[in-house]
Amino acid sequence: MIFKVLYQENANEPAIRENTQALYIEGDNIRDVRKKVSTHSDVLIENIFPLDDAHLAYEKQSEAFQLTEYDD
């Protein structure tokens, strides 16, 4: 399943909505995705949510859509 992760680049600064970024990552569940992201980067995760087929199709229309892959 593909998940959308909303995050702040610097985990040591307060979250500012205008600085929120997104990445898309494949995982088994939210816990799995949180572990992958936190293991490979030092970001402040705001929210993680699964994308159903319709939402994924919509997100893929954006030029910013890129599936992030981490080597295990």
N, C-alpha and C. Protein backbone atom coordinates (compact mmCIF):
# COMPACT_ATOMS: atom_id res chain seq x y z
N MET A 1 0.84 -1.17 0.00
CA MET A 1 0.00 0.00 0.00
C MET A 1 0.89 1.23 0.00
N ILE A 2 0.44 2.28 -0.67
CA ILE A 2 1.16 3.54 -0.71
C ILE A 2 0.60 4.47 0.37
N PHE A 3 1.51 5.13 1.09
CA PHE A 3 1.14 6.06 2.14
C PHE A 3 1.69 7.44 1.82
N LYS A 4 0.98 8.47 2.25
CA LYS A 4 1.44 9.84 2.14
C LYS A 4 1.89 10.27 3.52
N VAL A 5 3.12 10.78 3.60
CA VAL A 5 3.69 11.22 4.87
C VAL A 5 3.86 12.73 4.82
N LEU A 6 3.24 13.42 5.73
CA LEU A 6 3.42 14.86 5.86
C LEU A 6 4.45 15.09 6.95
N TYR A 7 5.45 15.94 6.66
CA TYR A 7 6.53 16.11 7.61
C TYR A 7 7.14 17.50 7.53
N GLN A 8 7.91 17.82 8.56
CA GLN A 8 8.72 19.03 8.61
C GLN A 8 10.18 18.60 8.45
N GLU A 9 10.94 19.35 7.70
CA GLU A 9 12.33 18.99 7.40
C GLU A 9 13.20 18.92 8.66
N ASN A 10 12.99 19.80 9.61
CA ASN A 10 13.84 19.83 10.81
C ASN A 10 13.02 19.45 12.04
N ALA A 11 13.36 18.34 12.65
CA ALA A 11 12.62 17.84 13.81
C ALA A 11 12.84 18.67 15.06
N ASN A 12 13.85 19.53 15.05
CA ASN A 12 14.18 20.32 16.24
C ASN A 12 13.52 21.69 16.25
N GLU A 13 12.77 22.02 15.22
CA GLU A 13 12.08 23.30 15.16
C GLU A 13 10.58 23.07 15.24
N PRO A 14 9.85 24.07 15.72
CA PRO A 14 8.39 23.91 15.78
C PRO A 14 7.79 23.77 14.38
N ALA A 15 6.72 23.02 14.29
CA ALA A 15 6.06 22.80 13.01
C ALA A 15 5.36 24.08 12.54
N ILE A 16 5.57 24.41 11.28
CA ILE A 16 4.91 25.55 10.64
C ILE A 16 4.22 25.02 9.40
N ARG A 17 2.92 25.23 9.33
CA ARG A 17 2.13 24.64 8.25
C ARG A 17 2.69 24.94 6.87
N GLU A 18 3.17 26.14 6.65
CA GLU A 18 3.69 26.51 5.34
C GLU A 18 4.96 25.73 4.96
N ASN A 19 5.63 25.15 5.94
CA ASN A 19 6.85 24.38 5.68
C ASN A 19 6.60 22.89 5.58
N THR A 20 5.35 22.48 5.66
CA THR A 20 5.02 21.07 5.58
C THR A 20 5.33 20.53 4.19
N GLN A 21 6.00 19.39 4.16
CA GLN A 21 6.33 18.72 2.91
C GLN A 21 5.70 17.34 2.91
N ALA A 22 5.66 16.73 1.75
CA ALA A 22 5.04 15.41 1.64
C ALA A 22 5.98 14.46 0.91
N LEU A 23 5.91 13.20 1.31
CA LEU A 23 6.57 12.15 0.56
C LEU A 23 5.62 10.97 0.49
N TYR A 24 5.85 10.14 -0.49
CA TYR A 24 5.00 8.98 -0.73
C TYR A 24 5.89 7.75 -0.60
N ILE A 25 5.42 6.78 0.16
CA ILE A 25 6.23 5.61 0.44
C ILE A 25 5.35 4.37 0.52
N GLU A 26 5.89 3.26 0.09
CA GLU A 26 5.15 2.00 0.15
C GLU A 26 5.48 1.31 1.46
N GLY A 27 4.46 0.74 2.08
CA GLY A 27 4.65 0.01 3.33
C GLY A 27 3.48 -0.89 3.62
N ASP A 28 3.65 -1.73 4.63
CA ASP A 28 2.59 -2.66 5.03
C ASP A 28 1.52 -1.99 5.87
N ASN A 29 1.94 -1.03 6.72
CA ASN A 29 1.01 -0.33 7.60
C ASN A 29 1.68 0.97 8.07
N ILE A 30 0.95 1.75 8.84
CA ILE A 30 1.47 3.04 9.30
C ILE A 30 2.71 2.86 10.16
N ARG A 31 2.72 1.86 11.02
CA ARG A 31 3.88 1.62 11.89
C ARG A 31 5.13 1.31 11.05
N ASP A 32 4.97 0.51 10.01
CA ASP A 32 6.07 0.17 9.12
C ASP A 32 6.62 1.41 8.43
N VAL A 33 5.72 2.27 7.94
CA VAL A 33 6.12 3.50 7.25
C VAL A 33 6.84 4.44 8.22
N ARG A 34 6.30 4.61 9.42
CA ARG A 34 6.94 5.48 10.42
C ARG A 34 8.36 5.00 10.72
N LYS A 35 8.53 3.70 10.84
CA LYS A 35 9.85 3.14 11.14
C LYS A 35 10.82 3.40 9.99
N LYS A 36 10.37 3.19 8.75
CA LYS A 36 11.23 3.44 7.58
C LYS A 36 11.67 4.89 7.52
N VAL A 37 10.74 5.81 7.69
CA VAL A 37 11.06 7.24 7.56
C VAL A 37 11.97 7.67 8.70
N SER A 38 11.64 7.31 9.92
CA SER A 38 12.44 7.76 11.06
C SER A 38 13.82 7.12 11.10
N THR A 39 13.97 5.94 10.54
CA THR A 39 15.27 5.28 10.49
C THR A 39 16.21 5.95 9.50
N HIS A 40 15.67 6.46 8.40
CA HIS A 40 16.50 6.99 7.32
C HIS A 40 16.58 8.51 7.27
N SER A 41 15.86 9.20 8.13
CA SER A 41 15.93 10.66 8.10
C SER A 41 15.53 11.23 9.46
N ASP A 42 15.98 12.46 9.70
CA ASP A 42 15.67 13.14 10.96
C ASP A 42 14.63 14.24 10.67
N VAL A 43 13.39 13.82 10.49
CA VAL A 43 12.32 14.76 10.20
C VAL A 43 11.24 14.64 11.27
N LEU A 44 10.41 15.65 11.36
CA LEU A 44 9.27 15.64 12.26
C LEU A 44 8.05 15.17 11.47
N ILE A 45 7.61 13.96 11.73
CA ILE A 45 6.45 13.41 11.02
C ILE A 45 5.19 14.00 11.63
N GLU A 46 4.39 14.64 10.80
CA GLU A 46 3.14 15.23 11.24
C GLU A 46 1.98 14.25 11.12
N ASN A 47 1.92 13.55 9.98
CA ASN A 47 0.78 12.67 9.73
C ASN A 47 1.17 11.64 8.67
N ILE A 48 0.59 10.47 8.80
CA ILE A 48 0.77 9.42 7.81
C ILE A 48 -0.61 8.86 7.51
N PHE A 49 -0.96 8.79 6.23
CA PHE A 49 -2.25 8.19 5.91
C PHE A 49 -2.18 7.40 4.62
N PRO A 50 -2.93 6.30 4.59
CA PRO A 50 -2.93 5.45 3.40
C PRO A 50 -3.70 6.11 2.26
N LEU A 51 -3.27 5.83 1.04
CA LEU A 51 -3.95 6.38 -0.14
C LEU A 51 -4.76 5.27 -0.80
N ASP A 52 -6.06 5.48 -0.90
CA ASP A 52 -6.87 4.52 -1.66
C ASP A 52 -6.62 4.76 -3.15
N ASP A 53 -7.19 3.93 -3.98
CA ASP A 53 -6.91 3.99 -5.42
C ASP A 53 -7.24 5.36 -6.03
N ALA A 54 -8.37 5.93 -5.66
CA ALA A 54 -8.77 7.22 -6.22
C ALA A 54 -7.84 8.33 -5.77
N HIS A 55 -7.48 8.34 -4.51
CA HIS A 55 -6.59 9.38 -3.99
C HIS A 55 -5.19 9.23 -4.60
N LEU A 56 -4.72 8.00 -4.74
CA LEU A 56 -3.42 7.76 -5.36
C LEU A 56 -3.40 8.23 -6.81
N ALA A 57 -4.47 7.96 -7.55
CA ALA A 57 -4.56 8.42 -8.94
C ALA A 57 -4.50 9.95 -9.00
N TYR A 58 -5.17 10.62 -8.06
CA TYR A 58 -5.14 12.07 -8.01
C TYR A 58 -3.73 12.59 -7.70
N GLU A 59 -3.08 11.99 -6.71
CA GLU A 59 -1.73 12.42 -6.32
C GLU A 59 -0.74 12.21 -7.47
N LYS A 60 -0.90 11.15 -8.24
CA LYS A 60 0.01 10.86 -9.36
C LYS A 60 -0.07 11.91 -10.46
N GLN A 61 -1.14 12.68 -10.51
CA GLN A 61 -1.28 13.75 -11.50
C GLN A 61 -0.35 14.92 -11.21
N SER A 62 0.11 15.04 -9.98
CA SER A 62 0.98 16.13 -9.58
C SER A 62 2.41 15.88 -10.06
N GLU A 63 3.07 16.93 -10.49
CA GLU A 63 4.47 16.81 -10.89
C GLU A 63 5.36 16.49 -9.69
N ALA A 64 4.90 16.80 -8.50
CA ALA A 64 5.68 16.57 -7.28
C ALA A 64 5.62 15.12 -6.82
N PHE A 65 4.75 14.31 -7.41
CA PHE A 65 4.61 12.93 -6.96
C PHE A 65 5.86 12.13 -7.34
N GLN A 66 6.46 11.54 -6.31
CA GLN A 66 7.60 10.65 -6.52
C GLN A 66 7.61 9.67 -5.37
N LEU A 67 7.63 8.40 -5.69
CA LEU A 67 7.63 7.36 -4.67
C LEU A 67 9.03 7.27 -4.07
N THR A 68 9.11 7.45 -2.75
CA THR A 68 10.38 7.38 -2.04
C THR A 68 10.68 5.94 -1.68
N GLU A 69 11.90 5.52 -1.95
CA GLU A 69 12.29 4.16 -1.61
C GLU A 69 13.54 4.21 -0.75
N TYR A 70 13.50 3.47 0.35
CA TYR A 70 14.65 3.37 1.24
C TYR A 70 15.21 1.97 1.14
N ASP A 71 16.53 1.87 1.08
CA ASP A 71 17.17 0.56 1.09
C ASP A 71 17.15 0.04 2.52
N ASP A 72 16.72 -1.17 2.69
CA ASP A 72 16.65 -1.75 4.04
C ASP A 72 17.98 -2.28 4.49
